[in-house]
N, C-alpha and C. Protein backbone atom coordinates (compact mmCIF):
# COMPACT_ATOMS: atom_id res chain seq x y z
N MET A 1 0.83 -1.19 0.00
CA MET A 1 0.00 0.00 0.00
C MET A 1 0.87 1.25 0.00
N GLY A 2 1.98 1.21 0.73
CA GLY A 2 2.85 2.38 0.79
C GLY A 2 3.32 2.82 -0.58
N ILE A 3 3.65 1.87 -1.42
CA ILE A 3 4.10 2.20 -2.78
C ILE A 3 2.98 2.86 -3.56
N LEU A 4 1.77 2.34 -3.42
CA LEU A 4 0.63 2.92 -4.15
C LEU A 4 0.28 4.31 -3.62
N TRP A 5 0.41 4.54 -2.32
CA TRP A 5 0.15 5.88 -1.78
C TRP A 5 1.16 6.88 -2.31
N ASP A 6 2.37 6.43 -2.56
CA ASP A 6 3.41 7.32 -3.08
C ASP A 6 3.24 7.61 -4.57
N GLU A 7 2.37 6.86 -5.24
CA GLU A 7 2.15 7.02 -6.68
C GLU A 7 0.66 7.22 -6.96
N PRO A 8 0.14 8.43 -6.71
CA PRO A 8 -1.30 8.66 -6.84
C PRO A 8 -1.87 8.40 -8.23
N GLU A 9 -1.04 8.45 -9.26
CA GLU A 9 -1.51 8.16 -10.62
C GLU A 9 -1.65 6.66 -10.86
N GLY A 10 -1.11 5.87 -9.92
CA GLY A 10 -1.20 4.42 -10.04
C GLY A 10 0.00 3.83 -10.75
N LEU A 11 0.08 2.52 -10.68
CA LEU A 11 1.19 1.78 -11.27
C LEU A 11 0.68 0.50 -11.92
N THR A 12 1.37 0.08 -12.97
CA THR A 12 1.08 -1.25 -13.50
C THR A 12 1.65 -2.26 -12.51
N MET A 13 1.25 -3.50 -12.64
CA MET A 13 1.75 -4.54 -11.74
C MET A 13 3.28 -4.63 -11.83
N ARG A 14 3.83 -4.51 -13.04
CA ARG A 14 5.29 -4.59 -13.21
C ARG A 14 5.97 -3.41 -12.54
N GLU A 15 5.42 -2.19 -12.70
CA GLU A 15 6.00 -1.01 -12.07
C GLU A 15 5.96 -1.14 -10.54
N LEU A 16 4.85 -1.61 -10.05
CA LEU A 16 4.70 -1.81 -8.60
C LEU A 16 5.73 -2.83 -8.11
N TYR A 17 5.84 -3.92 -8.81
CA TYR A 17 6.79 -4.98 -8.43
C TYR A 17 8.23 -4.45 -8.44
N ASP A 18 8.56 -3.69 -9.47
CA ASP A 18 9.92 -3.16 -9.58
C ASP A 18 10.26 -2.16 -8.47
N LYS A 19 9.26 -1.51 -7.88
CA LYS A 19 9.50 -0.55 -6.81
C LYS A 19 9.59 -1.23 -5.44
N MET A 20 9.28 -2.51 -5.37
CA MET A 20 9.33 -3.21 -4.09
C MET A 20 10.78 -3.41 -3.67
N PRO A 21 11.03 -3.32 -2.36
CA PRO A 21 12.41 -3.53 -1.87
C PRO A 21 12.82 -4.99 -1.95
N GLU A 22 14.11 -5.19 -2.05
CA GLU A 22 14.67 -6.55 -2.03
C GLU A 22 14.68 -7.06 -0.60
N PRO A 23 14.57 -8.32 -0.36
CA PRO A 23 14.25 -9.37 -1.32
C PRO A 23 12.76 -9.36 -1.63
N ARG A 24 12.45 -9.44 -2.89
CA ARG A 24 11.05 -9.42 -3.33
C ARG A 24 10.46 -10.83 -3.27
N THR A 25 9.19 -10.85 -2.97
CA THR A 25 8.46 -12.11 -3.08
C THR A 25 8.17 -12.34 -4.56
N HIS A 26 7.70 -13.51 -4.92
CA HIS A 26 7.44 -13.85 -6.32
C HIS A 26 6.38 -12.90 -6.91
N PHE A 27 6.52 -12.58 -8.18
CA PHE A 27 5.62 -11.66 -8.88
C PHE A 27 4.16 -12.11 -8.74
N ASN A 28 3.90 -13.41 -8.91
CA ASN A 28 2.51 -13.90 -8.83
C ASN A 28 1.92 -13.72 -7.44
N THR A 29 2.76 -13.82 -6.42
CA THR A 29 2.30 -13.62 -5.04
C THR A 29 1.88 -12.17 -4.84
N VAL A 30 2.67 -11.25 -5.38
CA VAL A 30 2.33 -9.82 -5.29
C VAL A 30 1.02 -9.55 -6.02
N SER A 31 0.87 -10.14 -7.19
CA SER A 31 -0.34 -9.97 -7.97
C SER A 31 -1.56 -10.48 -7.21
N THR A 32 -1.44 -11.62 -6.59
CA THR A 32 -2.53 -12.19 -5.79
C THR A 32 -2.87 -11.27 -4.62
N PHE A 33 -1.84 -10.76 -3.96
CA PHE A 33 -2.05 -9.88 -2.82
C PHE A 33 -2.77 -8.60 -3.25
N ILE A 34 -2.39 -8.02 -4.37
CA ILE A 34 -3.05 -6.80 -4.87
C ILE A 34 -4.51 -7.09 -5.19
N ARG A 35 -4.78 -8.25 -5.78
CA ARG A 35 -6.18 -8.61 -6.07
C ARG A 35 -6.99 -8.73 -4.78
N ARG A 36 -6.38 -9.27 -3.73
CA ARG A 36 -7.08 -9.38 -2.43
C ARG A 36 -7.33 -8.00 -1.83
N LEU A 37 -6.35 -7.11 -1.95
CA LEU A 37 -6.55 -5.75 -1.48
C LEU A 37 -7.68 -5.07 -2.25
N GLU A 38 -7.78 -5.41 -3.52
CA GLU A 38 -8.85 -4.85 -4.35
C GLU A 38 -10.20 -5.41 -3.90
N GLU A 39 -10.28 -6.70 -3.62
CA GLU A 39 -11.51 -7.31 -3.13
C GLU A 39 -11.95 -6.69 -1.81
N ASP A 40 -10.98 -6.31 -0.98
CA ASP A 40 -11.27 -5.71 0.32
C ASP A 40 -11.59 -4.22 0.22
N GLY A 41 -11.48 -3.66 -1.00
CA GLY A 41 -11.82 -2.26 -1.20
C GLY A 41 -10.71 -1.26 -0.95
N PHE A 42 -9.47 -1.74 -0.78
CA PHE A 42 -8.35 -0.85 -0.52
C PHE A 42 -7.67 -0.37 -1.80
N VAL A 43 -7.78 -1.13 -2.85
CA VAL A 43 -7.10 -0.85 -4.12
C VAL A 43 -8.13 -0.95 -5.25
N SER A 44 -7.91 -0.20 -6.30
CA SER A 44 -8.73 -0.31 -7.49
C SER A 44 -7.82 -0.24 -8.71
N HIS A 45 -8.39 -0.39 -9.89
CA HIS A 45 -7.59 -0.32 -11.10
C HIS A 45 -8.42 0.23 -12.25
N HIS A 46 -7.72 0.65 -13.27
CA HIS A 46 -8.39 0.98 -14.54
C HIS A 46 -7.53 0.42 -15.67
N ALA A 47 -8.20 0.07 -16.74
CA ALA A 47 -7.51 -0.55 -17.88
C ALA A 47 -6.74 0.51 -18.65
N ILE A 48 -5.53 0.12 -19.07
CA ILE A 48 -4.72 0.99 -19.92
C ILE A 48 -4.88 0.54 -21.36
N ALA A 49 -4.64 -0.75 -21.56
CA ALA A 49 -4.77 -1.34 -22.90
C ALA A 49 -4.91 -2.85 -22.73
N GLY A 50 -5.93 -3.41 -23.34
CA GLY A 50 -6.11 -4.85 -23.26
C GLY A 50 -6.18 -5.33 -21.82
N ARG A 51 -5.22 -6.20 -21.46
CA ARG A 51 -5.19 -6.73 -20.10
C ARG A 51 -4.16 -6.03 -19.22
N LEU A 52 -3.75 -4.84 -19.62
CA LEU A 52 -2.79 -4.06 -18.84
C LEU A 52 -3.57 -3.05 -17.99
N PHE A 53 -3.33 -3.11 -16.68
CA PHE A 53 -4.06 -2.27 -15.74
C PHE A 53 -3.13 -1.40 -14.93
N ARG A 54 -3.65 -0.27 -14.49
CA ARG A 54 -2.94 0.62 -13.59
C ARG A 54 -3.68 0.55 -12.25
N TYR A 55 -2.94 0.16 -11.20
CA TYR A 55 -3.51 -0.01 -9.87
C TYR A 55 -3.23 1.22 -9.02
N PHE A 56 -4.19 1.58 -8.18
CA PHE A 56 -4.02 2.75 -7.32
C PHE A 56 -4.75 2.53 -6.00
N ALA A 57 -4.29 3.23 -4.96
CA ALA A 57 -4.92 3.14 -3.65
C ALA A 57 -6.29 3.79 -3.71
N LYS A 58 -7.27 3.08 -3.19
CA LYS A 58 -8.64 3.58 -3.20
C LYS A 58 -8.96 4.35 -1.91
N ILE A 59 -8.19 4.11 -0.87
CA ILE A 59 -8.39 4.80 0.39
C ILE A 59 -7.07 5.44 0.83
N THR A 60 -7.17 6.42 1.71
CA THR A 60 -5.98 7.10 2.19
C THR A 60 -5.25 6.24 3.22
N ARG A 61 -4.03 6.63 3.49
CA ARG A 61 -3.24 5.95 4.52
C ARG A 61 -3.97 6.00 5.87
N LEU A 62 -4.54 7.16 6.21
CA LEU A 62 -5.25 7.32 7.48
C LEU A 62 -6.48 6.40 7.54
N GLU A 63 -7.24 6.33 6.46
CA GLU A 63 -8.41 5.44 6.43
C GLU A 63 -7.98 3.98 6.60
N TYR A 64 -6.89 3.61 5.95
CA TYR A 64 -6.37 2.25 6.06
C TYR A 64 -5.94 1.95 7.49
N GLU A 65 -5.22 2.88 8.11
CA GLU A 65 -4.77 2.69 9.49
C GLU A 65 -5.95 2.50 10.43
N LYS A 66 -7.00 3.32 10.26
CA LYS A 66 -8.19 3.20 11.11
C LYS A 66 -8.85 1.83 10.95
N LYS A 67 -8.97 1.37 9.72
CA LYS A 67 -9.59 0.05 9.48
C LYS A 67 -8.75 -1.07 10.08
N GLU A 68 -7.43 -0.98 9.93
CA GLU A 68 -6.55 -2.01 10.46
C GLU A 68 -6.55 -1.99 11.98
N GLN A 69 -6.57 -0.81 12.58
CA GLN A 69 -6.62 -0.72 14.04
C GLN A 69 -7.91 -1.34 14.56
N LYS A 70 -9.02 -1.01 13.92
CA LYS A 70 -10.31 -1.55 14.33
C LYS A 70 -10.32 -3.07 14.18
N SER A 71 -9.79 -3.56 13.08
CA SER A 71 -9.73 -5.00 12.85
C SER A 71 -8.88 -5.69 13.91
N PHE A 72 -7.74 -5.11 14.25
CA PHE A 72 -6.85 -5.66 15.28
C PHE A 72 -7.56 -5.74 16.62
N ILE A 73 -8.20 -4.64 17.02
CA ILE A 73 -8.89 -4.60 18.31
C ILE A 73 -10.05 -5.58 18.32
N ASN A 74 -10.76 -5.71 17.21
CA ASN A 74 -11.85 -6.69 17.13
C ASN A 74 -11.35 -8.11 17.27
N ARG A 75 -10.24 -8.42 16.60
CA ARG A 75 -9.70 -9.80 16.62
C ARG A 75 -9.14 -10.19 17.98
N PHE A 76 -8.38 -9.30 18.59
CA PHE A 76 -7.63 -9.67 19.78
C PHE A 76 -8.23 -9.18 21.10
N PHE A 77 -9.14 -8.22 21.05
CA PHE A 77 -9.67 -7.64 22.28
C PHE A 77 -11.19 -7.54 22.24
N ASN A 78 -11.83 -8.39 21.45
CA ASN A 78 -13.30 -8.44 21.35
C ASN A 78 -13.91 -7.07 21.10
N GLY A 79 -13.21 -6.24 20.33
CA GLY A 79 -13.73 -4.93 19.96
C GLY A 79 -13.60 -3.87 21.05
N SER A 80 -12.94 -4.19 22.14
CA SER A 80 -12.83 -3.25 23.26
C SER A 80 -11.51 -2.49 23.23
N SER A 81 -11.59 -1.20 22.93
CA SER A 81 -10.40 -0.35 22.97
C SER A 81 -9.88 -0.25 24.40
N PHE A 82 -10.79 -0.25 25.36
CA PHE A 82 -10.39 -0.21 26.77
C PHE A 82 -9.52 -1.41 27.12
N ASP A 83 -9.95 -2.61 26.69
CA ASP A 83 -9.16 -3.81 26.98
C ASP A 83 -7.79 -3.75 26.32
N PHE A 84 -7.73 -3.15 25.15
CA PHE A 84 -6.44 -2.99 24.46
C PHE A 84 -5.51 -2.09 25.26
N VAL A 85 -6.02 -0.93 25.69
CA VAL A 85 -5.19 0.00 26.46
C VAL A 85 -4.81 -0.63 27.80
N LYS A 86 -5.76 -1.32 28.43
CA LYS A 86 -5.48 -2.00 29.70
C LYS A 86 -4.36 -3.02 29.52
N HIS A 87 -4.38 -3.74 28.42
CA HIS A 87 -3.32 -4.71 28.11
C HIS A 87 -1.97 -4.00 27.99
N LEU A 88 -1.93 -2.88 27.29
CA LEU A 88 -0.68 -2.13 27.13
C LEU A 88 -0.14 -1.67 28.48
N VAL A 89 -1.03 -1.24 29.36
CA VAL A 89 -0.60 -0.79 30.69
C VAL A 89 -0.06 -1.98 31.49
N LYS A 90 -0.80 -3.09 31.49
CA LYS A 90 -0.37 -4.28 32.25
C LYS A 90 0.97 -4.81 31.77
N GLU A 91 1.19 -4.77 30.48
CA GLU A 91 2.44 -5.29 29.90
C GLU A 91 3.56 -4.24 29.92
N GLU A 92 3.25 -3.09 30.51
CA GLU A 92 4.21 -1.99 30.61
C GLU A 92 4.73 -1.54 29.25
N GLU A 93 3.83 -1.53 28.27
CA GLU A 93 4.15 -1.04 26.92
C GLU A 93 3.96 0.47 26.83
N ILE A 94 3.32 1.03 27.85
CA ILE A 94 3.12 2.47 27.91
C ILE A 94 3.81 2.96 29.18
N ASN A 95 4.65 3.98 29.03
CA ASN A 95 5.35 4.49 30.21
C ASN A 95 4.50 5.56 30.91
N LYS A 96 4.99 6.02 32.05
CA LYS A 96 4.25 6.97 32.87
C LYS A 96 3.94 8.26 32.12
N GLU A 97 4.90 8.77 31.37
CA GLU A 97 4.69 10.03 30.63
C GLU A 97 3.60 9.85 29.58
N GLU A 98 3.60 8.71 28.91
CA GLU A 98 2.57 8.45 27.90
C GLU A 98 1.20 8.33 28.54
N LEU A 99 1.13 7.70 29.72
CA LEU A 99 -0.14 7.60 30.43
C LEU A 99 -0.65 8.98 30.84
N GLU A 100 0.25 9.84 31.29
CA GLU A 100 -0.14 11.20 31.65
C GLU A 100 -0.66 11.95 30.43
N GLU A 101 -0.03 11.73 29.29
CA GLU A 101 -0.50 12.37 28.05
C GLU A 101 -1.90 11.88 27.67
N LEU A 102 -2.12 10.57 27.84
CA LEU A 102 -3.46 10.02 27.58
C LEU A 102 -4.50 10.65 28.50
N LEU A 103 -4.15 10.77 29.78
CA LEU A 103 -5.07 11.38 30.73
C LEU A 103 -5.39 12.82 30.36
N ASN A 104 -4.37 13.56 29.88
CA ASN A 104 -4.61 14.94 29.45
C ASN A 104 -5.52 14.98 28.23
N LEU A 105 -5.37 14.04 27.31
CA LEU A 105 -6.26 13.98 26.14
C LEU A 105 -7.69 13.70 26.57
N ILE A 106 -7.84 12.79 27.54
CA ILE A 106 -9.18 12.45 28.04
C ILE A 106 -9.83 13.65 28.69
N LYS A 107 -9.05 14.40 29.46
CA LYS A 107 -9.58 15.58 30.16
C LYS A 107 -10.06 16.65 29.20
N LYS A 108 -9.42 16.74 28.04
CA LYS A 108 -9.81 17.74 27.03
C LYS A 108 -11.10 17.33 26.41
C-alpha cells in the first residue's frame, strides 16, 4: 500500500513490483495480494490497454490505518479499545509520561 500511496496516478503490476524492496516475493504472489486488497476495497484499477491495468490506492493511509486498528482490536480484544489500552498498561508497553499524556487527552 505504501508504494501505491506514493504514486497517486497508479502503477502497472510490473511497475509496482519493480518498486518493491529486495528481497522481493514472487511476482505472482504480489499480484494475488493486490487482487485481495482490491476485493477488500483498498485498491482499485483501470484498464490501460487490453489486459494491462494501472492499480491505485482507493483509500488514504489514514483510512487504512483506522480500518486495520479496528480489525486488530476486534480480533484480539473483542472490539474493546479499553481492553487494548489496559493490556498495554499491564504489559508496561506504555510508560508513565505516555499515560499522563493520555489522561490529558481524556480531560480535554
